[in-house]
Amino acid sequence: MAECPVCAADIQLPDDTVAGELIECPDCGTELEVTSVNPFKLAEAPSEEEDWGE
């Protein structure tokens, strides 16, 4: 179980969740990154910037 850092919802994570995995909060829809698995900790995933082929 982990807490969404945006809306504080409790999120049930599977036992095979790994650090760096991206998930979506079922309550607020924010994309989250698993930053720790023991204990589970979540952070708002960094938004990817557009790559204009430069």
PDB file of N, CA and C in Angstrom:
ATOM      1  N   MET A   1       0.856  -1.175   0.000  1.00  0.00           N
ATOM      2  CA  MET A   1       0.000   0.000   0.000  1.00  0.00           C
ATOM      3  C   MET A   1       0.902   1.239   0.000  1.00  0.00           C
ATOM      4  N   ALA A   2       0.541   2.209  -0.814  1.00  0.00           N
ATOM      5  CA  ALA A   2       1.289   3.461  -0.873  1.00  0.00           C
ATOM      6  C   ALA A   2       0.292   4.603  -0.945  1.00  0.00           C
ATOM      7  N   GLU A   3       0.766   5.810  -0.675  1.00  0.00           N
ATOM      8  CA  GLU A   3      -0.107   6.983  -0.694  1.00  0.00           C
ATOM      9  C   GLU A   3       0.254   7.883  -1.869  1.00  0.00           C
ATOM     10  N   CYS A   4      -0.757   8.323  -2.595  1.00  0.00           N
ATOM     11  CA  CYS A   4      -0.558   9.254  -3.696  1.00  0.00           C
ATOM     12  C   CYS A   4      -0.066  10.585  -3.129  1.00  0.00           C
ATOM     13  N   PRO A   5       1.068  11.113  -3.632  1.00  0.00           N
ATOM     14  CA  PRO A   5       1.573  12.378  -3.115  1.00  0.00           C
ATOM     15  C   PRO A   5       0.747  13.586  -3.575  1.00  0.00           C
ATOM     16  N   VAL A   6      -0.161  13.382  -4.520  1.00  0.00           N
ATOM     17  CA  VAL A   6      -0.974  14.479  -5.043  1.00  0.00           C
ATOM     18  C   VAL A   6      -2.307  14.582  -4.306  1.00  0.00           C
ATOM     19  N   CYS A   7      -3.027  13.450  -4.193  1.00  0.00           N
ATOM     20  CA  CYS A   7      -4.364  13.507  -3.597  1.00  0.00           C
ATOM     21  C   CYS A   7      -4.492  12.721  -2.285  1.00  0.00           C
ATOM     22  N   ALA A   8      -3.412  12.062  -1.851  1.00  0.00           N
ATOM     23  CA  ALA A   8      -3.361  11.293  -0.600  1.00  0.00           C
ATOM     24  C   ALA A   8      -4.217  10.034  -0.608  1.00  0.00           C
ATOM     25  N   ALA A   9      -4.604   9.564  -1.793  1.00  0.00           N
ATOM     26  CA  ALA A   9      -5.362   8.310  -1.879  1.00  0.00           C
ATOM     27  C   ALA A   9      -4.447   7.127  -1.571  1.00  0.00           C
ATOM     28  N   ASP A  10      -4.997   6.091  -0.950  1.00  0.00           N
ATOM     29  CA  ASP A  10      -4.256   4.853  -0.730  1.00  0.00           C
ATOM     30  C   ASP A  10      -4.280   4.046  -2.015  1.00  0.00           C
ATOM     31  N   ILE A  11      -3.105   3.610  -2.466  1.00  0.00           N
ATOM     32  CA  ILE A  11      -2.990   2.853  -3.705  1.00  0.00           C
ATOM     33  C   ILE A  11      -2.416   1.488  -3.380  1.00  0.00           C
ATOM     34  N   GLN A  12      -3.123   0.443  -3.777  1.00  0.00           N
ATOM     35  CA  GLN A  12      -2.652  -0.922  -3.577  1.00  0.00           C
ATOM     36  C   GLN A  12      -1.712  -1.273  -4.715  1.00  0.00           C
ATOM     37  N   LEU A  13      -0.482  -1.657  -4.376  1.00  0.00           N
ATOM     38  CA  LEU A  13       0.508  -2.019  -5.386  1.00  0.00           C
ATOM     39  C   LEU A  13       0.772  -3.517  -5.330  1.00  0.00           C
ATOM     40  N   PRO A  14       0.956  -4.153  -6.490  1.00  0.00           N
ATOM     41  CA  PRO A  14       1.275  -5.586  -6.493  1.00  0.00           C
ATOM     42  C   PRO A  14       2.625  -5.849  -5.824  1.00  0.00           C
ATOM     43  N   ASP A  15       2.810  -7.053  -5.288  1.00  0.00           N
ATOM     44  CA  ASP A  15       4.057  -7.401  -4.606  1.00  0.00           C
ATOM     45  C   ASP A  15       5.263  -7.361  -5.544  1.00  0.00           C
ATOM     46  N   ASP A  16       5.029  -7.526  -6.855  1.00  0.00           N
ATOM     47  CA  ASP A  16       6.149  -7.541  -7.806  1.00  0.00           C
ATOM     48  C   ASP A  16       6.459  -6.164  -8.387  1.00  0.00           C
ATOM     49  N   THR A  17       5.916  -5.092  -7.775  1.00  0.00           N
ATOM     50  CA  THR A  17       6.199  -3.726  -8.211  1.00  0.00           C
ATOM     51  C   THR A  17       7.679  -3.432  -7.995  1.00  0.00           C
ATOM     52  N   VAL A  18       8.307  -2.765  -8.963  1.00  0.00           N
ATOM     53  CA  VAL A  18       9.732  -2.451  -8.864  1.00  0.00           C
ATOM     54  C   VAL A  18       9.944  -0.941  -8.858  1.00  0.00           C
ATOM     55  N   ALA A  19      11.060  -0.504  -8.272  1.00  0.00           N
ATOM     56  CA  ALA A  19      11.405   0.918  -8.258  1.00  0.00           C
ATOM     57  C   ALA A  19      11.569   1.404  -9.694  1.00  0.00           C
ATOM     58  N   GLY A  20      11.067   2.590  -9.957  1.00  0.00           N
ATOM     59  CA  GLY A  20      11.140   3.160 -11.298  1.00  0.00           C
ATOM     60  C   GLY A  20       9.909   2.892 -12.136  1.00  0.00           C
ATOM     61  N   GLU A  21       9.042   2.004 -11.665  1.00  0.00           N
ATOM     62  CA  GLU A  21       7.816   1.676 -12.395  1.00  0.00           C
ATOM     63  C   GLU A  21       6.854   2.866 -12.361  1.00  0.00           C
ATOM     64  N   LEU A  22       6.154   3.075 -13.463  1.00  0.00           N
ATOM     65  CA  LEU A  22       5.172   4.149 -13.537  1.00  0.00           C
ATOM     66  C   LEU A  22       3.776   3.576 -13.373  1.00  0.00           C
ATOM     67  N   ILE A  23       2.973   4.215 -12.548  1.00  0.00           N
ATOM     68  CA  ILE A  23       1.591   3.800 -12.339  1.00  0.00           C
ATOM     69  C   ILE A  23       0.712   5.045 -12.396  1.00  0.00           C
ATOM     70  N   GLU A  24      -0.576   4.833 -12.502  1.00  0.00           N
ATOM     71  CA  GLU A  24      -1.514   5.949 -12.502  1.00  0.00           C
ATOM     72  C   GLU A  24      -2.386   5.856 -11.259  1.00  0.00           C
ATOM     73  N   CYS A  25      -2.565   6.976 -10.581  1.00  0.00           N
ATOM     74  CA  CYS A  25      -3.430   7.006  -9.410  1.00  0.00           C
ATOM     75  C   CYS A  25      -4.863   6.780  -9.867  1.00  0.00           C
ATOM     76  N   PRO A  26      -5.553   5.797  -9.282  1.00  0.00           N
ATOM     77  CA  PRO A  26      -6.936   5.535  -9.687  1.00  0.00           C
ATOM     78  C   PRO A  26      -7.905   6.644  -9.275  1.00  0.00           C
ATOM     79  N   ASP A  27      -7.523   7.474  -8.305  1.00  0.00           N
ATOM     80  CA  ASP A  27      -8.417   8.551  -7.849  1.00  0.00           C
ATOM     81  C   ASP A  27      -8.258   9.831  -8.664  1.00  0.00           C
ATOM     82  N   CYS A  28      -7.007  10.316  -8.790  1.00  0.00           N
ATOM     83  CA  CYS A  28      -6.810  11.620  -9.448  1.00  0.00           C
ATOM     84  C   CYS A  28      -6.235  11.512 -10.859  1.00  0.00           C
ATOM     85  N   GLY A  29      -5.760  10.321 -11.253  1.00  0.00           N
ATOM     86  CA  GLY A  29      -5.260  10.125 -12.608  1.00  0.00           C
ATOM     87  C   GLY A  29      -3.841  10.608 -12.842  1.00  0.00           C
ATOM     88  N   THR A  30      -3.157  11.058 -11.792  1.00  0.00           N
ATOM     89  CA  THR A  30      -1.787  11.537 -11.936  1.00  0.00           C
ATOM     90  C   THR A  30      -0.850  10.370 -12.193  1.00  0.00           C
ATOM     91  N   GLU A  31       0.103  10.548 -13.113  1.00  0.00           N
ATOM     92  CA  GLU A  31       1.105   9.520 -13.359  1.00  0.00           C
ATOM     93  C   GLU A  31       2.147   9.606 -12.250  1.00  0.00           C
ATOM     94  N   LEU A  32       2.408   8.474 -11.613  1.00  0.00           N
ATOM     95  CA  LEU A  32       3.309   8.412 -10.471  1.00  0.00           C
ATOM     96  C   LEU A  32       4.446   7.446 -10.741  1.00  0.00           C
ATOM     97  N   GLU A  33       5.589   7.720 -10.115  1.00  0.00           N
ATOM     98  CA  GLU A  33       6.747   6.841 -10.221  1.00  0.00           C
ATOM     99  C   GLU A  33       7.004   6.207  -8.862  1.00  0.00           C
ATOM    100  N   VAL A  34       7.258   4.900  -8.856  1.00  0.00           N
ATOM    101  CA  VAL A  34       7.607   4.199  -7.628  1.00  0.00           C
ATOM    102  C   VAL A  34       9.064   4.535  -7.322  1.00  0.00           C
ATOM    103  N   THR A  35       9.313   5.231  -6.226  1.00  0.00           N
ATOM    104  CA  THR A  35      10.675   5.632  -5.872  1.00  0.00           C
ATOM    105  C   THR A  35      11.316   4.698  -4.857  1.00  0.00           C
ATOM    106  N   SER A  36      10.507   3.902  -4.171  1.00  0.00           N
ATOM    107  CA  SER A  36      11.014   2.952  -3.184  1.00  0.00           C
ATOM    108  C   SER A  36      10.020   1.806  -3.057  1.00  0.00           C
ATOM    109  N   VAL A  37      10.537   0.598  -2.838  1.00  0.00           N
ATOM    110  CA  VAL A  37       9.631  -0.551  -2.698  1.00  0.00           C
ATOM    111  C   VAL A  37       9.588  -1.102  -1.276  1.00  0.00           C
ATOM    112  N   ASN A  38      10.474  -0.659  -0.407  1.00  0.00           N
ATOM    113  CA  ASN A  38      10.461  -1.164   0.962  1.00  0.00           C
ATOM    114  C   ASN A  38      10.803  -0.049   1.920  1.00  0.00           C
ATOM    115  N   PRO A  39       9.865   0.748   2.374  1.00  0.00           N
ATOM    116  CA  PRO A  39       8.427   0.663   2.079  1.00  0.00           C
ATOM    117  C   PRO A  39       8.115   1.319   0.727  1.00  0.00           C
ATOM    118  N   PHE A  40       6.901   1.052   0.232  1.00  0.00           N
ATOM    119  CA  PHE A  40       6.484   1.666  -1.027  1.00  0.00           C
ATOM    120  C   PHE A  40       6.401   3.173  -0.866  1.00  0.00           C
ATOM    121  N   LYS A  41       7.027   3.898  -1.782  1.00  0.00           N
ATOM    122  CA  LYS A  41       6.923   5.356  -1.813  1.00  0.00           C
ATOM    123  C   LYS A  41       6.702   5.778  -3.256  1.00  0.00           C
ATOM    124  N   LEU A  42       5.849   6.777  -3.432  1.00  0.00           N
ATOM    125  CA  LEU A  42       5.519   7.268  -4.762  1.00  0.00           C
ATOM    126  C   LEU A  42       5.854   8.745  -4.874  1.00  0.00           C
ATOM    127  N   ALA A  43       6.194   9.168  -6.094  1.00  0.00           N
ATOM    128  CA  ALA A  43       6.427  10.576  -6.386  1.00  0.00           C
ATOM    129  C   ALA A  43       5.775  10.877  -7.724  1.00  0.00           C
ATOM    130  N   GLU A  44       5.427  12.131  -7.925  1.00  0.00           N
ATOM    131  CA  GLU A  44       4.839  12.517  -9.199  1.00  0.00           C
ATOM    132  C   GLU A  44       5.888  12.288 -10.283  1.00  0.00           C
ATOM    133  N   ALA A  45       5.484  11.571 -11.333  1.00  0.00           N
ATOM    134  CA  ALA A  45       6.423  11.249 -12.406  1.00  0.00           C
ATOM    135  C   ALA A  45       6.813  12.523 -13.149  1.00  0.00           C
ATOM    136  N   PRO A  46       8.098  12.631 -13.526  1.00  0.00           N
ATOM    137  CA  PRO A  46       8.505  13.810 -14.284  1.00  0.00           C
ATOM    138  C   PRO A  46       7.801  13.833 -15.648  1.00  0.00           C
ATOM    139  N   SER A  47       7.350  14.988 -16.053  1.00  0.00           N
ATOM    140  CA  SER A  47       6.689  15.065 -17.356  1.00  0.00           C
ATOM    141  C   SER A  47       7.748  15.098 -18.437  1.00  0.00           C
ATOM    142  N   GLU A  48       7.501  14.341 -19.487  1.00  0.00           N
ATOM    143  CA  GLU A  48       8.448  14.298 -20.592  1.00  0.00           C
ATOM    144  C   GLU A  48       8.242  15.512 -21.470  1.00  0.00           C
ATOM    145  N   GLU A  49       9.346  16.149 -21.821  1.00  0.00           N
ATOM    146  CA  GLU A  49       9.265  17.317 -22.671  1.00  0.00           C
ATOM    147  C   GLU A  49       9.280  16.882 -24.126  1.00  0.00           C
ATOM    148  N   GLU A  50       8.689  17.712 -24.979  1.00  0.00           N
ATOM    149  CA  GLU A  50       8.650  17.418 -26.396  1.00  0.00           C
ATOM    150  C   GLU A  50      10.055  17.421 -26.981  1.00  0.00           C
ATOM    151  N   ASP A  51      10.330  16.434 -27.816  1.00  0.00           N
ATOM    152  CA  ASP A  51      11.596  16.379 -28.541  1.00  0.00           C
ATOM    153  C   ASP A  51      11.291  16.729 -29.985  1.00  0.00           C
ATOM    154  N   TRP A  52      11.692  17.879 -30.396  1.00  0.00           N
ATOM    155  CA  TRP A  52      11.373  18.368 -31.742  1.00  0.00           C
ATOM    156  C   TRP A  52      12.436  17.950 -32.744  1.00  0.00           C
ATOM    157  N   GLY A  53      13.162  16.873 -32.447  1.00  0.00           N
ATOM    158  CA  GLY A  53      14.157  16.368 -33.388  1.00  0.00           C
ATOM    159  C   GLY A  53      15.420  17.206 -33.437  1.00  0.00           C
ATOM    160  N   GLU A  54      15.700  17.932 -32.370  1.00  0.00           N
ATOM    161  CA  GLU A  54      16.888  18.775 -32.363  1.00  0.00           C
ATOM    162  C   GLU A  54      18.093  18.001 -31.875  1.00  0.00           C
TER     163      GLU A  54
END
